[in-house]
Amino acid sequence: MNYTKIISIIFAFILGIISIFKVSYPFIQDKNENLIFQNTNLVKNNVTSDDYTFVVLGDNKNSISTFDKIIKQINRDNSIRFVINTGDMVFDGNPIKYDFFLKQVKKLNKPMLPVVGNHDVADDGVGRYLEIFGPLYYSFHLKNSYFIMLNNSNEEELDPWQMNWLKDELEKSKNYKYTFVFMHVPIYDPRNDINHQPGHSLKNLSNAKELLDLLNNYNITQVFFGHIHGYYVGKWDNVPYTVTGGAGAELVGKNPKHDFYHYIKVHVNNNNVSYELVKLDSPNFNFIDRVGAFLWLYSYSTIVINFWLILLFSNIAFIIFLLYF
């Protein structure tokens, strides 16, 4: 074996060791961060009056370029005090994907509060979510407003214990001027909500009706959802809603009124609540561009997120090739 081969094998071996560490790190590091507790405290410290602005976004789903653009825009906007993510922050519960998301969010100079989505708990992601963020549903009050985050990541329903908890929380919210409710999966699909038919929404229609009936009994300011990768606003009975799922995941629809990347700025003061839609560059509204963007999104993110894993296997293959050929 010549010196060039020996040096190449040593170099590949060193890269392989580094790759093993990089690949293993998300599995072995302590994730007991309780970010919900930490960030709700930061939010309360950041908001010093009844006049404040926050952002609602959702379904970044391990997006790289679009979500990074959103982070940069939010960082430059000094009016924004915090961010609420309506779920599907990662493609699945794989620790490598969670690790990549957390590195992205550390670039955000405002606290972020999560709502759990179905992709966040997929592939044994529930335990990981609990370790990183904390409870699957929670609430907090902020000056003149009450915030309620729910867990319907099963895409079926709100379980009976959570429904009872929600009733108590809504009673508490009556002491505040505004009440904001957040959950990942819409109660109904706004694209066919005239007859409240099943869609990309809660599958248990009996529970969906029970939930909407409950919300109708209270003065809800706005309910925010994700799950549908687009932007929809409307009202079910007395309950105003917004679907915001445009933070970077694939855009399957082709409707210019709904299917684009975006986030929402919510401005609160003692007189009213206003909403500003912030659009970002999106693929053109035709089949070819949408499919091309979809393929590029997941190819690019797979390579970037799994870079060290790809490098590890490449090094193993390279060493085997040098040893046998």
Protein backbone atom coordinates (compact mmCIF):
# COMPACT_ATOMS: atom_id res chain seq x y z
CA MET A 1 0.00 0.00 0.00
CA ASN A 2 1.49 3.34 -1.01
CA TYR A 3 1.72 6.44 1.16
CA THR A 4 -1.06 8.24 -0.74
CA LYS A 5 -3.48 5.45 0.11
CA ILE A 6 -2.39 5.40 3.76
CA ILE A 7 -2.80 9.17 4.10
CA SER A 8 -6.20 9.01 2.36
CA ILE A 9 -7.38 6.24 4.70
CA ILE A 10 -6.18 8.15 7.79
CA PHE A 11 -7.90 11.32 6.58
CA ALA A 12 -11.13 9.44 5.81
CA PHE A 13 -10.93 7.69 9.20
CA ILE A 14 -10.61 11.03 11.04
CA LEU A 15 -13.54 12.46 9.10
CA GLY A 16 -15.48 9.30 9.94
CA ILE A 17 -14.84 9.74 13.68
CA ILE A 18 -15.97 13.38 13.50
CA SER A 19 -19.07 12.28 11.55
CA ILE A 20 -19.91 9.62 14.15
CA PHE A 21 -19.76 12.25 16.90
CA LYS A 22 -21.87 14.72 14.90
CA VAL A 23 -24.46 12.06 14.07
CA SER A 24 -24.57 10.73 17.65
CA TYR A 25 -24.66 14.10 19.42
CA PRO A 26 -28.43 14.74 19.09
CA PHE A 27 -29.10 11.29 20.59
CA ILE A 28 -26.86 11.70 23.63
CA GLN A 29 -27.16 15.37 24.60
CA ASP A 30 -29.45 16.36 27.45
CA LYS A 31 -32.60 17.96 26.02
CA ASN A 32 -34.38 18.78 29.29
CA GLU A 33 -34.64 22.43 28.33
CA ASN A 34 -38.29 23.15 29.23
CA LEU A 35 -38.36 25.92 26.63
CA ILE A 36 -42.03 26.69 27.23
CA PHE A 37 -41.34 27.67 30.84
CA GLN A 38 -38.22 29.62 29.89
CA ASN A 39 -39.81 31.43 26.97
CA THR A 40 -43.08 32.36 28.65
CA ASN A 41 -40.98 34.13 31.29
CA LEU A 42 -39.02 35.89 28.54
CA VAL A 43 -42.26 36.91 26.82
CA LYS A 44 -43.58 38.47 30.02
CA ASN A 45 -40.31 40.34 30.46
CA ASN A 46 -40.40 41.55 26.85
CA VAL A 47 -43.94 42.92 27.05
CA THR A 48 -44.13 45.93 29.34
CA SER A 49 -47.44 47.50 28.24
CA ASP A 50 -50.86 46.60 26.82
CA ASP A 51 -49.62 47.69 23.40
CA TYR A 52 -47.49 44.99 21.79
CA THR A 53 -46.96 42.89 18.64
CA PHE A 54 -46.34 39.18 18.21
CA VAL A 55 -46.00 36.85 15.22
CA VAL A 56 -47.95 33.69 14.45
CA LEU A 57 -46.56 31.21 11.93
CA GLY A 58 -46.65 27.48 11.33
CA ASP A 59 -45.57 24.44 9.35
CA ASN A 60 -41.93 25.28 8.73
CA LYS A 61 -41.39 21.47 8.90
CA ASN A 62 -37.57 21.54 8.75
CA SER A 63 -37.65 24.14 5.98
CA ILE A 64 -34.28 25.79 5.51
CA SER A 65 -34.29 28.73 3.11
CA THR A 66 -37.84 30.05 3.68
CA PHE A 67 -37.80 29.60 7.46
CA ASP A 68 -34.35 31.19 7.68
CA LYS A 69 -35.67 34.18 5.71
CA ILE A 70 -38.57 34.49 8.13
CA ILE A 71 -36.20 34.42 11.10
CA LYS A 72 -34.06 37.16 9.55
CA GLN A 73 -37.10 39.34 8.85
CA ILE A 74 -38.46 38.91 12.37
CA ASN A 75 -35.04 39.66 13.87
CA ARG A 76 -34.96 42.99 12.00
CA ASP A 77 -38.42 44.00 13.18
CA ASN A 78 -38.06 45.62 16.59
CA SER A 79 -41.82 45.91 17.05
CA ILE A 80 -42.18 42.12 17.45
CA ARG A 81 -41.95 40.87 21.02
CA PHE A 82 -42.39 37.10 20.58
CA VAL A 83 -43.35 34.35 18.12
CA ILE A 84 -45.93 31.56 18.34
CA ASN A 85 -45.46 28.51 16.11
CA THR A 86 -48.69 26.63 15.34
CA GLY A 87 -46.87 23.31 14.92
CA ASP A 88 -45.14 20.93 12.53
CA MET A 89 -41.81 22.48 13.33
CA VAL A 90 -40.00 19.33 12.21
CA PHE A 91 -40.72 16.68 9.60
CA ASP A 92 -40.78 13.95 12.26
CA GLY A 93 -39.52 13.20 15.77
CA ASN A 94 -36.04 12.11 14.66
CA PRO A 95 -33.52 13.74 17.08
CA ILE A 96 -31.35 14.90 14.17
CA LYS A 97 -34.30 16.87 12.77
CA TYR A 98 -35.14 18.33 16.18
CA ASP A 99 -31.49 19.26 16.69
CA PHE A 100 -31.42 21.07 13.35
CA PHE A 101 -34.62 22.97 14.18
CA LEU A 102 -33.28 24.07 17.57
CA LYS A 103 -30.13 25.40 15.94
CA GLN A 104 -32.30 27.42 13.54
CA VAL A 105 -34.44 28.84 16.35
CA LYS A 106 -31.38 29.88 18.35
CA LYS A 107 -30.80 32.46 15.60
CA LEU A 108 -34.16 34.05 16.48
CA ASN A 109 -33.71 37.06 18.76
CA LYS A 110 -37.25 36.78 20.17
CA PRO A 111 -38.69 33.99 22.33
CA MET A 112 -40.72 31.36 20.49
CA LEU A 113 -43.62 29.43 21.99
CA PRO A 114 -44.71 26.15 20.34
CA VAL A 115 -47.99 24.43 19.60
CA VAL A 116 -47.51 20.70 19.06
CA GLY A 117 -48.26 19.38 15.56
CA ASN A 118 -48.76 15.87 14.20
CA HIS A 119 -45.30 15.79 12.59
CA ASP A 120 -43.68 16.92 15.85
CA VAL A 121 -44.85 13.77 17.62
CA ALA A 122 -44.43 11.35 14.69
CA ASP A 123 -41.91 8.48 14.97
CA ASP A 124 -41.71 8.51 18.78
CA GLY A 125 -41.45 12.28 18.88
CA VAL A 126 -43.74 12.76 21.90
CA GLY A 127 -41.04 12.10 24.48
CA ARG A 128 -38.57 14.25 22.61
CA TYR A 129 -41.06 17.12 22.40
CA LEU A 130 -41.75 16.87 26.15
CA GLU A 131 -38.02 16.88 26.93
CA ILE A 132 -37.33 19.92 24.78
CA PHE A 133 -40.41 22.08 25.24
CA GLY A 134 -42.45 20.82 28.18
CA PRO A 135 -46.24 20.27 28.35
CA LEU A 136 -48.30 19.36 25.28
CA TYR A 137 -50.91 22.00 26.20
CA TYR A 138 -50.62 25.05 28.40
CA SER A 139 -51.76 28.64 28.94
CA PHE A 140 -50.42 31.98 30.09
CA HIS A 141 -51.71 35.50 30.53
CA LEU A 142 -50.03 38.62 29.24
CA LYS A 143 -51.23 42.07 30.25
CA ASN A 144 -54.72 42.38 28.70
CA SER A 145 -54.74 38.96 26.99
CA TYR A 146 -55.09 35.26 27.74
CA PHE A 147 -53.29 32.68 25.58
CA ILE A 148 -54.39 29.03 25.37
CA MET A 149 -52.31 26.42 23.51
CA LEU A 150 -54.03 23.10 22.80
CA ASN A 151 -52.85 19.68 21.65
CA ASN A 152 -54.82 18.01 18.86
CA SER A 153 -51.76 16.48 17.20
CA ASN A 154 -53.58 13.12 17.00
CA GLU A 155 -55.62 14.77 14.19
CA GLU A 156 -58.73 13.19 15.70
CA GLU A 157 -59.97 15.17 18.68
CA LEU A 158 -59.29 16.89 21.96
CA ASP A 159 -59.31 14.20 24.65
CA PRO A 160 -61.87 14.49 27.53
CA TRP A 161 -59.25 15.59 30.09
CA GLN A 162 -58.09 18.40 27.83
CA MET A 163 -61.69 19.46 27.12
CA ASN A 164 -62.31 19.79 30.86
CA TRP A 165 -59.06 21.72 31.24
CA LEU A 166 -60.08 24.00 28.37
CA LYS A 167 -63.42 24.78 30.02
CA ASP A 168 -61.60 25.94 33.15
CA GLU A 169 -59.14 27.97 31.08
CA LEU A 170 -61.90 29.70 29.14
CA GLU A 171 -63.54 30.66 32.43
CA LYS A 172 -60.27 32.25 33.53
CA SER A 173 -60.00 34.06 30.20
CA LYS A 174 -63.20 36.03 30.98
CA ASN A 175 -61.07 38.24 33.23
CA TYR A 176 -59.09 39.47 30.21
CA LYS A 177 -59.98 41.74 27.31
CA TYR A 178 -58.68 39.36 24.62
CA THR A 179 -58.50 35.58 24.36
CA PHE A 180 -56.27 33.86 21.79
CA VAL A 181 -56.53 30.11 21.23
CA PHE A 182 -53.98 28.05 19.29
CA MET A 183 -54.02 24.47 18.01
CA HIS A 184 -52.40 22.74 15.09
CA VAL A 185 -55.24 20.92 13.32
CA PRO A 186 -58.22 23.08 12.25
CA ILE A 187 -61.61 22.25 13.74
CA TYR A 188 -62.97 22.15 10.19
CA ASP A 189 -61.31 22.47 6.80
CA PRO A 190 -61.98 26.04 5.59
CA ARG A 191 -61.91 24.84 2.00
CA ASN A 192 -65.16 22.91 2.51
CA ASP A 193 -66.52 24.24 5.79
CA ILE A 194 -70.02 25.12 4.55
CA ASN A 195 -71.35 21.73 5.63
CA HIS A 196 -68.46 21.05 8.01
CA GLN A 197 -67.39 18.03 5.99
CA PRO A 198 -64.22 16.10 6.93
CA GLY A 199 -61.04 17.38 5.34
CA HIS A 200 -57.55 18.25 6.49
CA SER A 201 -59.06 18.87 9.92
CA LEU A 202 -60.32 17.04 13.01
CA LYS A 203 -61.57 13.62 11.99
CA ASN A 204 -63.94 13.23 14.92
CA LEU A 205 -66.77 15.51 13.78
CA SER A 206 -68.69 15.02 17.02
CA ASN A 207 -65.71 16.29 19.01
CA ALA A 208 -65.18 19.12 16.51
CA LYS A 209 -68.76 20.27 17.07
CA GLU A 210 -68.37 20.00 20.85
CA LEU A 211 -65.18 22.07 20.70
CA LEU A 212 -66.74 24.76 18.50
CA ASP A 213 -69.87 24.88 20.69
CA LEU A 214 -67.64 25.42 23.72
CA LEU A 215 -65.66 28.22 22.07
CA ASN A 216 -68.93 29.84 20.95
CA ASN A 217 -69.85 30.35 24.60
CA TYR A 218 -66.92 32.68 25.14
CA ASN A 219 -65.70 35.91 23.61
CA ILE A 220 -62.83 34.44 21.60
CA THR A 221 -60.67 37.06 19.91
CA GLN A 222 -59.05 34.67 17.42
CA VAL A 223 -58.29 30.97 17.01
CA PHE A 224 -55.09 30.17 15.11
CA PHE A 225 -54.35 26.88 13.33
CA GLY A 226 -51.64 25.39 11.14
CA HIS A 227 -51.70 21.99 9.37
CA ILE A 228 -53.01 23.31 6.05
CA HIS A 229 -50.09 24.79 4.13
CA GLY A 230 -51.69 28.06 3.26
CA TYR A 231 -53.52 31.11 4.57
CA TYR A 232 -57.24 31.19 5.37
CA VAL A 233 -59.36 33.52 7.49
CA GLY A 234 -63.02 33.22 8.36
CA LYS A 235 -65.58 32.72 11.07
CA TRP A 236 -67.41 29.64 12.35
CA ASP A 237 -70.52 30.93 14.13
CA ASN A 238 -69.09 33.45 16.63
CA VAL A 239 -65.53 32.17 16.46
CA PRO A 240 -63.07 34.00 14.17
CA TYR A 241 -60.24 31.82 12.90
CA THR A 242 -56.98 32.05 10.97
CA VAL A 243 -55.10 29.19 9.37
CA THR A 244 -51.42 30.01 8.97
CA GLY A 245 -49.32 27.15 7.61
CA GLY A 246 -46.92 28.98 5.34
CA ALA A 247 -43.59 29.05 7.18
CA GLY A 248 -41.68 26.86 4.74
CA ALA A 249 -43.28 23.44 4.20
CA GLU A 250 -44.38 22.32 0.73
CA LEU A 251 -47.14 24.30 -0.97
CA VAL A 252 -49.52 21.89 -2.67
CA GLY A 253 -52.28 24.28 -3.66
CA LYS A 254 -52.14 26.74 -6.53
CA ASN A 255 -54.58 29.43 -5.38
CA PRO A 256 -52.92 32.89 -5.26
CA LYS A 257 -55.34 33.93 -2.49
CA HIS A 258 -54.25 31.19 -0.13
CA ASP A 259 -51.24 29.10 -1.11
CA PHE A 260 -48.11 31.14 -0.40
CA TYR A 261 -45.37 31.47 2.21
CA HIS A 262 -46.20 33.95 4.93
CA TYR A 263 -46.48 34.80 8.60
CA ILE A 264 -48.88 37.02 10.53
CA LYS A 265 -48.14 40.00 12.75
CA VAL A 266 -50.69 40.50 15.49
CA HIS A 267 -50.85 43.94 17.06
CA VAL A 268 -52.64 44.25 20.40
CA ASN A 269 -53.67 47.38 22.23
CA ASN A 270 -56.51 48.40 24.53
CA ASN A 271 -58.69 49.54 21.63
CA ASN A 272 -58.47 46.56 19.28
CA VAL A 273 -56.45 43.73 17.76
CA SER A 274 -55.18 44.08 14.17
CA TYR A 275 -53.58 41.52 11.87
CA GLU A 276 -50.94 42.07 9.19
CA LEU A 277 -50.22 39.39 6.61
CA VAL A 278 -46.54 39.31 5.65
CA LYS A 279 -45.95 37.43 2.38
CA LEU A 280 -42.68 35.88 1.25
CA ASP A 281 -41.44 34.74 -2.14
CA SER A 282 -43.25 31.55 -3.16
CA PRO A 283 -43.12 29.20 -6.17
CA ASN A 284 -45.20 30.32 -9.15
CA PHE A 285 -48.82 29.16 -9.17
CA ASN A 286 -48.54 26.33 -11.67
CA PHE A 287 -48.11 22.58 -11.38
CA ILE A 288 -44.55 22.37 -12.73
CA ASP A 289 -43.12 25.07 -10.44
CA ARG A 290 -44.94 23.70 -7.40
CA VAL A 291 -43.71 20.14 -7.95
CA GLY A 292 -40.19 21.38 -8.69
CA ALA A 293 -40.17 23.44 -5.50
CA PHE A 294 -41.48 20.45 -3.53
CA LEU A 295 -38.71 18.16 -4.84
CA TRP A 296 -36.03 20.79 -4.23
CA LEU A 297 -37.31 21.56 -0.71
CA TYR A 298 -37.00 17.98 0.51
CA SER A 299 -33.86 17.10 -1.44
CA TYR A 300 -32.04 20.16 -0.15
CA SER A 301 -33.24 19.78 3.45
CA THR A 302 -32.43 16.05 3.48
CA ILE A 303 -28.85 16.73 2.38
CA VAL A 304 -28.30 19.65 4.78
CA ILE A 305 -29.93 18.05 7.82
CA ASN A 306 -28.25 14.67 7.26
CA PHE A 307 -24.93 16.07 6.03
CA TRP A 308 -22.81 14.29 8.66
CA LEU A 309 -24.67 11.01 8.19
CA ILE A 310 -24.11 11.19 4.44
CA LEU A 311 -20.46 12.05 5.03
CA LEU A 312 -20.08 9.10 7.44
CA PHE A 313 -21.36 6.55 4.92
CA SER A 314 -19.33 8.16 2.16
CA ASN A 315 -16.17 7.82 4.24
CA ILE A 316 -16.92 4.18 5.05
CA ALA A 317 -17.44 3.44 1.36
CA PHE A 318 -14.25 5.36 0.49
CA ILE A 319 -12.13 3.42 3.03
CA ILE A 320 -13.51 0.08 1.80
CA PHE A 321 -12.70 1.09 -1.78
CA LEU A 322 -9.11 2.04 -0.87
CA LEU A 323 -8.55 -1.18 1.06
CA TYR A 324 -9.81 -3.53 -1.61
CA PHE A 325 -8.90 -1.79 -4.88
